[in-house]
């Protein structure tokens, strides 16, 4: 699978967890960003097929980064990740064009199911 996936989370262990799950299942072209600001510049230069992004991050939130990415590329595929209790932000993300969301702490199966559904 040659699909390019950008993982965005300020917690390195969360990126590692998702990356491990994806690489064990054939997704090997993985990019990483530690906040929304970095995510936007990586998106600009790399144009990933999918972005998996946390909502709560320093510098630029996932919601702000999602809005910027969708402004630049309305067809961008973005999945948001959120902790329980962030329903309002999840609703906002969906309105801004996120295709799905995964609630933390998440199960590897849920990540895979969502990624493969969106990437086809």
PDB file of N, CA and C in Angstrom:
ATOM      1  N   UNK A   1       0.846  -1.194   0.000  1.00  0.00           N
ATOM      2  CA  UNK A   1       0.000   0.000   0.000  1.00  0.00           C
ATOM      3  C   UNK A   1       0.883   1.245   0.000  1.00  0.00           C
ATOM      4  N   UNK A   2       0.711   2.027  -1.017  1.00  0.00           N
ATOM      5  CA  UNK A   2       1.561   3.193  -1.161  1.00  0.00           C
ATOM      6  C   UNK A   2       0.924   4.476  -0.659  1.00  0.00           C
ATOM      7  N   UNK A   3      -0.207   4.376  -0.022  1.00  0.00           N
ATOM      8  CA  UNK A   3      -0.898   5.575   0.439  1.00  0.00           C
ATOM      9  C   UNK A   3      -0.061   6.308   1.479  1.00  0.00           C
ATOM     10  N   UNK A   4       0.013   7.626   1.321  1.00  0.00           N
ATOM     11  CA  UNK A   4       0.788   8.463   2.240  1.00  0.00           C
ATOM     12  C   UNK A   4      -0.151   8.968   3.337  1.00  0.00           C
ATOM     13  N   UNK A   5       0.197   8.680   4.590  1.00  0.00           N
ATOM     14  CA  UNK A   5      -0.643   9.059   5.733  1.00  0.00           C
ATOM     15  C   UNK A   5       0.143   9.974   6.665  1.00  0.00           C
ATOM     16  N   UNK A   6      -0.470  11.089   7.020  1.00  0.00           N
ATOM     17  CA  UNK A   6       0.136  12.035   7.966  1.00  0.00           C
ATOM     18  C   UNK A   6      -0.529  11.868   9.322  1.00  0.00           C
ATOM     19  N   UNK A   7       0.268  11.552  10.354  1.00  0.00           N
ATOM     20  CA  UNK A   7      -0.222  11.419  11.723  1.00  0.00           C
ATOM     21  C   UNK A   7       0.126  12.686  12.483  1.00  0.00           C
ATOM     22  N   UNK A   8      -0.890  13.309  13.095  1.00  0.00           N
ATOM     23  CA  UNK A   8      -0.664  14.566  13.803  1.00  0.00           C
ATOM     24  C   UNK A   8      -1.164  14.437  15.237  1.00  0.00           C
ATOM     25  N   UNK A   9      -0.236  14.509  16.176  1.00  0.00           N
ATOM     26  CA  UNK A   9      -0.585  14.442  17.598  1.00  0.00           C
ATOM     27  C   UNK A   9       0.597  14.996  18.377  1.00  0.00           C
ATOM     28  N   UNK A  10       0.324  15.782  19.407  1.00  0.00           N
ATOM     29  CA  UNK A  10       1.421  16.336  20.205  1.00  0.00           C
ATOM     30  C   UNK A  10       2.032  15.279  21.116  1.00  0.00           C
ATOM     31  N   UNK A  11       1.356  14.158  21.297  1.00  0.00           N
ATOM     32  CA  UNK A  11       1.905  13.067  22.121  1.00  0.00           C
ATOM     33  C   UNK A  11       2.613  12.063  21.212  1.00  0.00           C
ATOM     34  N   UNK A  12       3.936  11.991  21.338  1.00  0.00           N
ATOM     35  CA  UNK A  12       4.735  11.095  20.501  1.00  0.00           C
ATOM     36  C   UNK A  12       4.289   9.645  20.640  1.00  0.00           C
ATOM     37  N   UNK A  13       3.886   9.236  21.857  1.00  0.00           N
ATOM     38  CA  UNK A  13       3.473   7.841  22.050  1.00  0.00           C
ATOM     39  C   UNK A  13       2.193   7.525  21.291  1.00  0.00           C
ATOM     40  N   UNK A  14       1.305   8.517  21.116  1.00  0.00           N
ATOM     41  CA  UNK A  14       0.072   8.295  20.343  1.00  0.00           C
ATOM     42  C   UNK A  14       0.408   8.111  18.864  1.00  0.00           C
ATOM     43  N   UNK A  15       1.330   8.947  18.370  1.00  0.00           N
ATOM     44  CA  UNK A  15       1.755   8.795  16.969  1.00  0.00           C
ATOM     45  C   UNK A  15       2.385   7.416  16.769  1.00  0.00           C
ATOM     46  N   UNK A  16       3.205   7.016  17.727  1.00  0.00           N
ATOM     47  CA  UNK A  16       3.874   5.720  17.635  1.00  0.00           C
ATOM     48  C   UNK A  16       2.853   4.574  17.640  1.00  0.00           C
ATOM     49  N   UNK A  17       1.862   4.670  18.497  1.00  0.00           N
ATOM     50  CA  UNK A  17       0.820   3.645  18.605  1.00  0.00           C
ATOM     51  C   UNK A  17       0.078   3.493  17.273  1.00  0.00           C
ATOM     52  N   UNK A  18      -0.329   4.622  16.694  1.00  0.00           N
ATOM     53  CA  UNK A  18      -1.058   4.580  15.421  1.00  0.00           C
ATOM     54  C   UNK A  18      -0.137   4.088  14.304  1.00  0.00           C
ATOM     55  N   UNK A  19       1.086   4.600  14.293  1.00  0.00           N
ATOM     56  CA  UNK A  19       2.055   4.206  13.258  1.00  0.00           C
ATOM     57  C   UNK A  19       2.309   2.700  13.303  1.00  0.00           C
ATOM     58  N   UNK A  20       2.502   2.155  14.496  1.00  0.00           N
ATOM     59  CA  UNK A  20       2.722   0.708  14.648  1.00  0.00           C
ATOM     60  C   UNK A  20       1.553  -0.081  14.083  1.00  0.00           C
ATOM     61  N   UNK A  21       0.341   0.338  14.430  1.00  0.00           N
ATOM     62  CA  UNK A  21      -0.872  -0.338  13.953  1.00  0.00           C
ATOM     63  C   UNK A  21      -0.929  -0.309  12.433  1.00  0.00           C
ATOM     64  N   UNK A  22      -0.663   0.854  11.853  1.00  0.00           N
ATOM     65  CA  UNK A  22      -0.749   0.992  10.398  1.00  0.00           C
ATOM     66  C   UNK A  22       0.357   0.221   9.674  1.00  0.00           C
ATOM     67  N   UNK A  23       1.603   0.319  10.172  1.00  0.00           N
ATOM     68  CA  UNK A  23       2.709  -0.355   9.485  1.00  0.00           C
ATOM     69  C   UNK A  23       2.567  -1.879   9.556  1.00  0.00           C
ATOM     70  N   UNK A  24       2.043  -2.389  10.664  1.00  0.00           N
ATOM     71  CA  UNK A  24       1.832  -3.840  10.784  1.00  0.00           C
ATOM     72  C   UNK A  24       0.787  -4.325   9.781  1.00  0.00           C
ATOM     73  N   UNK A  25       0.012  -3.394   9.250  1.00  0.00           N
ATOM     74  CA  UNK A  25      -1.056  -3.763   8.324  1.00  0.00           C
ATOM     75  C   UNK A  25      -0.818  -3.224   6.912  1.00  0.00           C
ATOM     76  N   UNK A  26       0.456  -2.972   6.596  1.00  0.00           N
ATOM     77  CA  UNK A  26       0.814  -2.659   5.230  1.00  0.00           C
ATOM     78  C   UNK A  26       0.915  -1.194   4.843  1.00  0.00           C
ATOM     79  N   UNK A  27       0.541  -0.298   5.741  1.00  0.00           N
ATOM     80  CA  UNK A  27       0.679   1.135   5.446  1.00  0.00           C
ATOM     81  C   UNK A  27       2.067   1.579   5.897  1.00  0.00           C
ATOM     82  N   UNK A  28       2.969   1.800   4.957  1.00  0.00           N
ATOM     83  CA  UNK A  28       4.356   2.065   5.327  1.00  0.00           C
ATOM     84  C   UNK A  28       4.811   3.494   5.060  1.00  0.00           C
ATOM     85  N   UNK A  29       4.030   4.254   4.295  1.00  0.00           N
ATOM     86  CA  UNK A  29       4.419   5.624   3.959  1.00  0.00           C
ATOM     87  C   UNK A  29       3.773   6.582   4.966  1.00  0.00           C
ATOM     88  N   UNK A  30       4.388   6.679   6.147  1.00  0.00           N
ATOM     89  CA  UNK A  30       3.816   7.432   7.259  1.00  0.00           C
ATOM     90  C   UNK A  30       4.648   8.678   7.550  1.00  0.00           C
ATOM     91  N   UNK A  31       3.971   9.815   7.602  1.00  0.00           N
ATOM     92  CA  UNK A  31       4.604  11.085   7.975  1.00  0.00           C
ATOM     93  C   UNK A  31       4.078  11.462   9.349  1.00  0.00           C
ATOM     94  N   UNK A  32       4.831  12.290  10.083  1.00  0.00           N
ATOM     95  CA  UNK A  32       4.384  12.691  11.416  1.00  0.00           C
ATOM     96  C   UNK A  32       4.536  14.186  11.620  1.00  0.00           C
ATOM     97  N   UNK A  33       3.650  14.737  12.460  1.00  0.00           N
ATOM     98  CA  UNK A  33       3.741  16.138  12.869  1.00  0.00           C
ATOM     99  C   UNK A  33       3.292  16.228  14.319  1.00  0.00           C
ATOM    100  N   UNK A  34       3.956  17.100  15.085  1.00  0.00           N
ATOM    101  CA  UNK A  34       3.686  17.207  16.522  1.00  0.00           C
ATOM    102  C   UNK A  34       2.636  18.264  16.883  1.00  0.00           C
ATOM    103  N   UNK A  35       2.231  19.076  15.913  1.00  0.00           N
ATOM    104  CA  UNK A  35       1.156  20.040  16.181  1.00  0.00           C
ATOM    105  C   UNK A  35       0.516  20.472  14.864  1.00  0.00           C
ATOM    106  N   UNK A  36      -0.543  21.252  14.953  1.00  0.00           N
ATOM    107  CA  UNK A  36      -1.290  21.668  13.776  1.00  0.00           C
ATOM    108  C   UNK A  36      -0.510  22.540  12.820  1.00  0.00           C
ATOM    109  N   UNK A  37       0.380  23.353  13.373  1.00  0.00           N
ATOM    110  CA  UNK A  37       1.201  24.232  12.541  1.00  0.00           C
ATOM    111  C   UNK A  37       2.128  23.416  11.637  1.00  0.00           C
ATOM    112  N   UNK A  38       2.815  22.451  12.242  1.00  0.00           N
ATOM    113  CA  UNK A  38       3.707  21.570  11.484  1.00  0.00           C
ATOM    114  C   UNK A  38       2.882  20.754  10.482  1.00  0.00           C
ATOM    115  N   UNK A  39       1.713  20.298  10.920  1.00  0.00           N
ATOM    116  CA  UNK A  39       0.839  19.509  10.050  1.00  0.00           C
ATOM    117  C   UNK A  39       0.499  20.258   8.770  1.00  0.00           C
ATOM    118  N   UNK A  40       0.202  21.539   8.888  1.00  0.00           N
ATOM    119  CA  UNK A  40      -0.153  22.340   7.710  1.00  0.00           C
ATOM    120  C   UNK A  40       1.021  22.449   6.745  1.00  0.00           C
ATOM    121  N   UNK A  41       2.233  22.661   7.258  1.00  0.00           N
ATOM    122  CA  UNK A  41       3.377  22.769   6.352  1.00  0.00           C
ATOM    123  C   UNK A  41       3.730  21.413   5.737  1.00  0.00           C
ATOM    124  N   UNK A  42       3.614  20.327   6.507  1.00  0.00           N
ATOM    125  CA  UNK A  42       3.864  18.991   5.953  1.00  0.00           C
ATOM    126  C   UNK A  42       2.799  18.677   4.895  1.00  0.00           C
ATOM    127  N   UNK A  43       1.560  19.047   5.175  1.00  0.00           N
ATOM    128  CA  UNK A  43       0.490  18.814   4.199  1.00  0.00           C
ATOM    129  C   UNK A  43       0.799  19.535   2.885  1.00  0.00           C
ATOM    130  N   UNK A  44       1.218  20.788   2.996  1.00  0.00           N
ATOM    131  CA  UNK A  44       1.541  21.585   1.801  1.00  0.00           C
ATOM    132  C   UNK A  44       2.637  20.936   0.960  1.00  0.00           C
ATOM    133  N   UNK A  45       3.688  20.463   1.627  1.00  0.00           N
ATOM    134  CA  UNK A  45       4.832  19.927   0.882  1.00  0.00           C
ATOM    135  C   UNK A  45       4.637  18.479   0.437  1.00  0.00           C
ATOM    136  N   UNK A  46       3.882  17.687   1.189  1.00  0.00           N
ATOM    137  CA  UNK A  46       3.785  16.247   0.909  1.00  0.00           C
ATOM    138  C   UNK A  46       2.461  15.796   0.295  1.00  0.00           C
ATOM    139  N   UNK A  47       1.408  16.569   0.473  1.00  0.00           N
ATOM    140  CA  UNK A  47       0.061  16.208  -0.014  1.00  0.00           C
ATOM    141  C   UNK A  47      -0.298  14.747   0.293  1.00  0.00           C
ATOM    142  N   UNK A  48      -0.405  14.415   1.578  1.00  0.00           N
ATOM    143  CA  UNK A  48      -0.731  13.028   1.945  1.00  0.00           C
ATOM    144  C   UNK A  48      -2.140  12.631   1.474  1.00  0.00           C
ATOM    145  N   UNK A  49      -2.346  11.325   1.329  1.00  0.00           N
ATOM    146  CA  UNK A  49      -3.652  10.801   0.925  1.00  0.00           C
ATOM    147  C   UNK A  49      -4.648  10.864   2.075  1.00  0.00           C
ATOM    148  N   UNK A  50      -4.123  10.889   3.309  1.00  0.00           N
ATOM    149  CA  UNK A  50      -4.978  10.901   4.495  1.00  0.00           C
ATOM    150  C   UNK A  50      -4.245  11.580   5.641  1.00  0.00           C
ATOM    151  N   UNK A  51      -4.998  12.338   6.443  1.00  0.00           N
ATOM    152  CA  UNK A  51      -4.457  12.956   7.654  1.00  0.00           C
ATOM    153  C   UNK A  51      -5.250  12.403   8.838  1.00  0.00           C
ATOM    154  N   UNK A  52      -4.549  11.906   9.846  1.00  0.00           N
ATOM    155  CA  UNK A  52      -5.172  11.456  11.095  1.00  0.00           C
ATOM    156  C   UNK A  52      -4.691  12.436  12.154  1.00  0.00           C
ATOM    157  N   UNK A  53      -5.612  13.257  12.677  1.00  0.00           N
ATOM    158  CA  UNK A  53      -5.195  14.402  13.492  1.00  0.00           C
ATOM    159  C   UNK A  53      -5.946  14.511  14.818  1.00  0.00           C
ATOM    160  N   UNK A  54      -5.163  14.772  15.857  1.00  0.00           N
ATOM    161  CA  UNK A  54      -5.705  15.034  17.189  1.00  0.00           C
ATOM    162  C   UNK A  54      -6.397  16.392  17.177  1.00  0.00           C
ATOM    163  N   UNK A  55      -7.368  16.584  18.031  1.00  0.00           N
ATOM    164  CA  UNK A  55      -8.056  17.872  18.113  1.00  0.00           C
ATOM    165  C   UNK A  55      -7.300  18.847  19.007  1.00  0.00           C
ATOM    166  N   UNK A  56      -6.860  18.379  20.176  1.00  0.00           N
ATOM    167  CA  UNK A  56      -6.245  19.262  21.157  1.00  0.00           C
ATOM    168  C   UNK A  56      -4.718  19.225  21.067  1.00  0.00           C
ATOM    169  N   UNK A  57      -4.141  20.336  20.573  1.00  0.00           N
ATOM    170  CA  UNK A  57      -2.686  20.426  20.431  1.00  0.00           C
ATOM    171  C   UNK A  57      -2.238  21.874  20.631  1.00  0.00           C
ATOM    172  N   UNK A  58      -0.961  22.069  20.979  1.00  0.00           N
ATOM    173  CA  UNK A  58      -0.433  23.430  21.121  1.00  0.00           C
ATOM    174  C   UNK A  58      -0.194  24.084  19.751  1.00  0.00           C
ATOM    175  N   UNK A  59       0.096  25.377  19.754  1.00  0.00           N
ATOM    176  CA  UNK A  59       0.410  26.173  18.559  1.00  0.00           C
ATOM    177  C   UNK A  59      -0.773  26.363  17.616  1.00  0.00           C
ATOM    178  N   UNK A  60      -1.301  25.287  17.106  1.00  0.00           N
ATOM    179  CA  UNK A  60      -2.485  25.345  16.252  1.00  0.00           C
ATOM    180  C   UNK A  60      -3.275  24.075  16.529  1.00  0.00           C
ATOM    181  N   UNK A  61      -4.535  24.225  16.917  1.00  0.00           N
ATOM    182  CA  UNK A  61      -5.346  23.053  17.250  1.00  0.00           C
ATOM    183  C   UNK A  61      -5.659  22.240  15.999  1.00  0.00           C
ATOM    184  N   UNK A  62      -6.149  21.036  16.218  1.00  0.00           N
ATOM    185  CA  UNK A  62      -6.564  20.198  15.101  1.00  0.00           C
ATOM    186  C   UNK A  62      -7.693  20.839  14.311  1.00  0.00           C
ATOM    187  N   UNK A  63      -8.588  21.526  14.994  1.00  0.00           N
ATOM    188  CA  UNK A  63      -9.709  22.209  14.329  1.00  0.00           C
ATOM    189  C   UNK A  63      -9.171  23.318  13.410  1.00  0.00           C
ATOM    190  N   UNK A  64      -8.238  24.113  13.912  1.00  0.00           N
ATOM    191  CA  UNK A  64      -7.649  25.194  13.108  1.00  0.00           C
ATOM    192  C   UNK A  64      -6.876  24.622  11.910  1.00  0.00           C
ATOM    193  N   UNK A  65      -6.112  23.569  12.165  1.00  0.00           N
ATOM    194  CA  UNK A  65      -5.336  22.939  11.089  1.00  0.00           C
ATOM    195  C   UNK A  65      -6.269  22.322  10.048  1.00  0.00           C
ATOM    196  N   UNK A  66      -7.344  21.683  10.504  1.00  0.00           N
ATOM    197  CA  UNK A  66      -8.333  21.104   9.595  1.00  0.00           C
ATOM    198  C   UNK A  66      -8.914  22.187   8.683  1.00  0.00           C
ATOM    199  N   UNK A  67      -9.293  23.318   9.276  1.00  0.00           N
ATOM    200  CA  UNK A  67      -9.857  24.429   8.496  1.00  0.00           C
ATOM    201  C   UNK A  67      -8.851  24.910   7.444  1.00  0.00           C
ATOM    202  N   UNK A  68      -7.589  25.057   7.835  1.00  0.00           N
ATOM    203  CA  UNK A  68      -6.546  25.506   6.899  1.00  0.00           C
ATOM    204  C   UNK A  68      -6.332  24.493   5.766  1.00  0.00           C
ATOM    205  N   UNK A  69      -6.257  23.229   6.122  1.00  0.00           N
ATOM    206  CA  UNK A  69      -6.022  22.177   5.132  1.00  0.00           C
ATOM    207  C   UNK A  69      -7.190  22.112   4.141  1.00  0.00           C
ATOM    208  N   UNK A  70      -8.410  22.162   4.646  1.00  0.00           N
ATOM    209  CA  UNK A  70      -9.581  22.081   3.771  1.00  0.00           C
ATOM    210  C   UNK A  70      -9.714  23.323   2.884  1.00  0.00           C
ATOM    211  N   UNK A  71      -9.226  24.469   3.377  1.00  0.00           N
ATOM    212  CA  UNK A  71      -9.243  25.695   2.579  1.00  0.00           C
ATOM    213  C   UNK A  71      -8.299  25.536   1.374  1.00  0.00           C
ATOM    214  N   UNK A  72      -7.122  24.929   1.630  1.00  0.00           N
ATOM    215  CA  UNK A  72      -6.135  24.723   0.571  1.00  0.00           C
ATOM    216  C   UNK A  72      -6.542  23.595  -0.370  1.00  0.00           C
ATOM    217  N   UNK A  73      -7.122  22.542   0.201  1.00  0.00           N
ATOM    218  CA  UNK A  73      -7.495  21.372  -0.585  1.00  0.00           C
ATOM    219  C   UNK A  73      -8.827  20.823  -0.078  1.00  0.00           C
ATOM    220  N   UNK A  74      -9.937  21.282  -0.685  1.00  0.00           N
ATOM    221  CA  UNK A  74     -11.266  20.844  -0.235  1.00  0.00           C
ATOM    222  C   UNK A  74     -11.480  19.332  -0.295  1.00  0.00           C
ATOM    223  N   UNK A  75     -10.676  18.634  -1.109  1.00  0.00           N
ATOM    224  CA  UNK A  75     -10.852  17.183  -1.213  1.00  0.00           C
ATOM    225  C   UNK A  75      -9.951  16.408  -0.240  1.00  0.00           C
ATOM    226  N   UNK A  76      -9.211  17.118   0.614  1.00  0.00           N
ATOM    227  CA  UNK A  76      -8.330  16.451   1.587  1.00  0.00           C
ATOM    228  C   UNK A  76      -9.141  15.508   2.475  1.00  0.00           C
ATOM    229  N   UNK A  77      -8.566  14.328   2.727  1.00  0.00           N
ATOM    230  CA  UNK A  77      -9.219  13.342   3.598  1.00  0.00           C
ATOM    231  C   UNK A  77      -8.614  13.461   4.991  1.00  0.00           C
ATOM    232  N   UNK A  78      -9.465  13.778   5.975  1.00  0.00           N
ATOM    233  CA  UNK A  78      -8.990  13.983   7.341  1.00  0.00           C
ATOM    234  C   UNK A  78      -9.870  13.209   8.322  1.00  0.00           C
ATOM    235  N   UNK A  79      -9.213  12.483   9.221  1.00  0.00           N
ATOM    236  CA  UNK A  79      -9.886  11.807  10.334  1.00  0.00           C
ATOM    237  C   UNK A  79      -9.416  12.515  11.595  1.00  0.00           C
ATOM    238  N   UNK A  80     -10.333  12.892  12.458  1.00  0.00           N
ATOM    239  CA  UNK A  80      -9.974  13.554  13.715  1.00  0.00           C
ATOM    240  C   UNK A  80      -9.981  12.547  14.859  1.00  0.00           C
ATOM    241  N   UNK A  81      -9.110  12.786  15.830  1.00  0.00           N
ATOM    242  CA  UNK A  81      -9.055  11.968  17.041  1.00  0.00           C
ATOM    243  C   UNK A  81      -9.383  12.881  18.221  1.00  0.00           C
ATOM    244  N   UNK A  82     -10.169  12.380  19.143  1.00  0.00           N
ATOM    245  CA  UNK A  82     -10.493  13.213  20.300  1.00  0.00           C
ATOM    246  C   UNK A  82     -10.677  12.352  21.535  1.00  0.00           C
ATOM    247  N   UNK A  83     -10.486  12.980  22.672  1.00  0.00           N
ATOM    248  CA  UNK A  83     -10.761  12.306  23.941  1.00  0.00           C
ATOM    249  C   UNK A  83     -12.260  12.379  24.200  1.00  0.00           C
ATOM    250  N   UNK A  84     -12.730  11.556  25.084  1.00  0.00           N
ATOM    251  CA  UNK A  84     -14.136  11.611  25.469  1.00  0.00           C
ATOM    252  C   UNK A  84     -14.447  13.011  25.986  1.00  0.00           C
ATOM    253  N   UNK A  85     -15.672  13.457  25.764  1.00  0.00           N
ATOM    254  CA  UNK A  85     -16.075  14.747  26.297  1.00  0.00           C
ATOM    255  C   UNK A  85     -15.757  15.923  25.393  1.00  0.00           C
ATOM    256  N   UNK A  86     -15.335  15.660  24.161  1.00  0.00           N
ATOM    257  CA  UNK A  86     -15.043  16.750  23.224  1.00  0.00           C
ATOM    258  C   UNK A  86     -16.064  16.768  22.088  1.00  0.00           C
ATOM    259  N   UNK A  87     -17.307  16.398  22.411  1.00  0.00           N
ATOM    260  CA  UNK A  87     -18.347  16.266  21.397  1.00  0.00           C
ATOM    261  C   UNK A  87     -18.536  17.530  20.565  1.00  0.00           C
ATOM    262  N   UNK A  88     -18.507  18.701  21.210  1.00  0.00           N
ATOM    263  CA  UNK A  88     -18.708  19.956  20.476  1.00  0.00           C
ATOM    264  C   UNK A  88     -17.619  20.149  19.427  1.00  0.00           C
ATOM    265  N   UNK A  89     -16.383  19.821  19.789  1.00  0.00           N
ATOM    266  CA  UNK A  89     -15.282  19.955  18.836  1.00  0.00           C
ATOM    267  C   UNK A  89     -15.393  18.938  17.707  1.00  0.00           C
ATOM    268  N   UNK A  90     -15.871  17.748  18.035  1.00  0.00           N
ATOM    269  CA  UNK A  90     -16.053  16.717  17.016  1.00  0.00           C
ATOM    270  C   UNK A  90     -17.097  17.181  16.003  1.00  0.00           C
ATOM    271  N   UNK A  91     -18.199  17.738  16.494  1.00  0.00           N
ATOM    272  CA  UNK A  91     -19.250  18.250  15.614  1.00  0.00           C
ATOM    273  C   UNK A  91     -18.685  19.352  14.714  1.00  0.00           C
ATOM    274  N   UNK A  92     -17.906  20.241  15.289  1.00  0.00           N
ATOM    275  CA  UNK A  92     -17.286  21.319  14.517  1.00  0.00           C
ATOM    276  C   UNK A  92     -16.360  20.743  13.441  1.00  0.00           C
ATOM    277  N   UNK A  93     -15.582  19.733  13.802  1.00  0.00           N
ATOM    278  CA  UNK A  93     -14.661  19.102  12.848  1.00  0.00           C
ATOM    279  C   UNK A  93     -15.419  18.484  11.671  1.00  0.00           C
ATOM    280  N   UNK A  94     -16.527  17.823  11.965  1.00  0.00           N
ATOM    281  CA  UNK A  94     -17.339  17.203  10.907  1.00  0.00           C
ATOM    282  C   UNK A  94     -17.900  18.298   9.992  1.00  0.00           C
ATOM    283  N   UNK A  95     -18.360  19.408  10.582  1.00  0.00           N
ATOM    284  CA  UNK A  95     -18.880  20.535   9.782  1.00  0.00           C
ATOM    285  C   UNK A  95     -17.793  21.107   8.880  1.00  0.00           C
ATOM    286  N   UNK A  96     -16.548  21.104   9.361  1.00  0.00           N
ATOM    287  CA  UNK A  96     -15.431  21.641   8.587  1.00  0.00           C
ATOM    288  C   UNK A  96     -14.946  20.662   7.512  1.00  0.00           C
ATOM    289  N   UNK A  97     -15.466  19.447   7.552  1.00  0.00           N
ATOM    290  CA  UNK A  97     -15.123  18.499   6.497  1.00  0.00           C
ATOM    291  C   UNK A  97     -14.361  17.252   6.908  1.00  0.00           C
ATOM    292  N   UNK A  98     -14.174  17.029   8.202  1.00  0.00           N
ATOM    293  CA  UNK A  98     -13.535  15.779   8.627  1.00  0.00           C
ATOM    294  C   UNK A  98     -14.446  14.619   8.209  1.00  0.00           C
ATOM    295  N   UNK A  99     -13.855  13.546   7.732  1.00  0.00           N
ATOM    296  CA  UNK A  99     -14.647  12.417   7.239  1.00  0.00           C
ATOM    297  C   UNK A  99     -15.101  11.479   8.354  1.00  0.00           C
ATOM    298  N   UNK A 100     -14.362  11.472   9.459  1.00  0.00           N
ATOM    299  CA  UNK A 100     -14.707  10.563  10.557  1.00  0.00           C
ATOM    300  C   UNK A 100     -13.943  11.015  11.793  1.00  0.00           C
ATOM    301  N   UNK A 101     -14.242  10.412  12.905  1.00  0.00           N
ATOM    302  CA  UNK A 101     -13.465  10.682  14.113  1.00  0.00           C
ATOM    303  C   UNK A 101     -13.328   9.407  14.915  1.00  0.00           C
ATOM    304  N   UNK A 102     -12.230   9.351  15.625  1.00  0.00           N
ATOM    305  CA  UNK A 102     -11.927   8.197  16.469  1.00  0.00           C
ATOM    306  C   UNK A 102     -11.773   8.720  17.889  1.00  0.00           C
ATOM    307  N   UNK A 103     -12.449   8.086  18.825  1.00  0.00           N
ATOM    308  CA  UNK A 103     -12.380   8.512  20.214  1.00  0.00           C
ATOM    309  C   UNK A 103     -11.217   7.809  20.915  1.00  0.00           C
ATOM    310  N   UNK A 104     -10.418   8.604  21.638  1.00  0.00           N
ATOM    311  CA  UNK A 104      -9.306   8.061  22.437  1.00  0.00           C
ATOM    312  C   UNK A 104      -9.834   7.599  23.787  1.00  0.00           C
ATOM    313  N   UNK A 105      -9.248   6.616  24.418  1.00  0.00           N
ATOM    314  CA  UNK A 105      -8.206   5.747  23.868  1.00  0.00           C
ATOM    315  C   UNK A 105      -8.827   4.799  22.842  1.00  0.00           C
ATOM    316  N   UNK A 106      -8.182   4.625  21.717  1.00  0.00           N
ATOM    317  CA  UNK A 106      -8.794   3.815  20.684  1.00  0.00           C
ATOM    318  C   UNK A 106      -8.156   2.454  20.535  1.00  0.00           C
ATOM    319  N   UNK A 107      -8.927   1.575  19.932  1.00  0.00           N
ATOM    320  CA  UNK A 107      -8.467   0.209  19.691  1.00  0.00           C
ATOM    321  C   UNK A 107      -7.846   0.158  18.296  1.00  0.00           C
ATOM    322  N   UNK A 108      -6.773  -0.589  18.135  1.00  0.00           N
ATOM    323  CA  UNK A 108      -6.126  -0.704  16.822  1.00  0.00           C
ATOM    324  C   UNK A 108      -7.109  -1.065  15.704  1.00  0.00           C
ATOM    325  N   UNK A 109      -8.075  -1.941  15.997  1.00  0.00           N
ATOM    326  CA  UNK A 109      -9.059  -2.342  14.984  1.00  0.00           C
ATOM    327  C   UNK A 109      -9.853  -1.155  14.460  1.00  0.00           C
ATOM    328  N   UNK A 110     -10.192  -0.251  15.360  1.00  0.00           N
ATOM    329  CA  UNK A 110     -10.984   0.923  14.975  1.00  0.00           C
ATOM    330  C   UNK A 110     -10.177   1.835  14.051  1.00  0.00           C
ATOM    331  N   UNK A 111      -8.895   2.006  14.343  1.00  0.00           N
ATOM    332  CA  UNK A 111      -8.029   2.826  13.498  1.00  0.00           C
ATOM    333  C   UNK A 111      -7.963   2.217  12.098  1.00  0.00           C
ATOM    334  N   UNK A 112      -7.671   0.924  12.037  1.00  0.00           N
ATOM    335  CA  UNK A 112      -7.543   0.231  10.756  1.00  0.00           C
ATOM    336  C   UNK A 112      -8.824   0.269   9.946  1.00  0.00           C
ATOM    337  N   UNK A 113      -9.921  -0.002  10.610  1.00  0.00           N
ATOM    338  CA  UNK A 113     -11.226  -0.026   9.955  1.00  0.00           C
ATOM    339  C   UNK A 113     -11.518   1.339   9.318  1.00  0.00           C
ATOM    340  N   UNK A 114     -11.278   2.401  10.057  1.00  0.00           N
ATOM    341  CA  UNK A 114     -11.556   3.754   9.578  1.00  0.00           C
ATOM    342  C   UNK A 114     -10.619   4.139   8.436  1.00  0.00           C
ATOM    343  N   UNK A 115      -9.325   3.870   8.602  1.00  0.00           N
ATOM    344  CA  UNK A 115      -8.347   4.211   7.567  1.00  0.00           C
ATOM    345  C   UNK A 115      -8.641   3.446   6.276  1.00  0.00           C
ATOM    346  N   UNK A 116      -8.882   2.139   6.383  1.00  0.00           N
ATOM    347  CA  UNK A 116      -9.112   1.367   5.152  1.00  0.00           C
ATOM    348  C   UNK A 116     -10.438   1.743   4.502  1.00  0.00           C
ATOM    349  N   UNK A 117     -11.442   2.125   5.297  1.00  0.00           N
ATOM    350  CA  UNK A 117     -12.725   2.562   4.730  1.00  0.00           C
ATOM    351  C   UNK A 117     -12.522   3.834   3.899  1.00  0.00           C
ATOM    352  N   UNK A 118     -11.745   4.759   4.420  1.00  0.00           N
ATOM    353  CA  UNK A 118     -11.548   6.041   3.743  1.00  0.00           C
ATOM    354  C   UNK A 118     -10.588   5.943   2.565  1.00  0.00           C
ATOM    355  N   UNK A 119      -9.547   5.131   2.699  1.00  0.00           N
ATOM    356  CA  UNK A 119      -8.579   5.004   1.605  1.00  0.00           C
ATOM    357  C   UNK A 119      -9.007   3.969   0.558  1.00  0.00           C
ATOM    358  N   UNK A 120     -10.043   3.201   0.893  1.00  0.00           N
ATOM    359  CA  UNK A 120     -10.597   2.259  -0.084  1.00  0.00           C
ATOM    360  C   UNK A 120      -9.874   0.958  -0.231  1.00  0.00           C
TER     361      UNK A 120
END
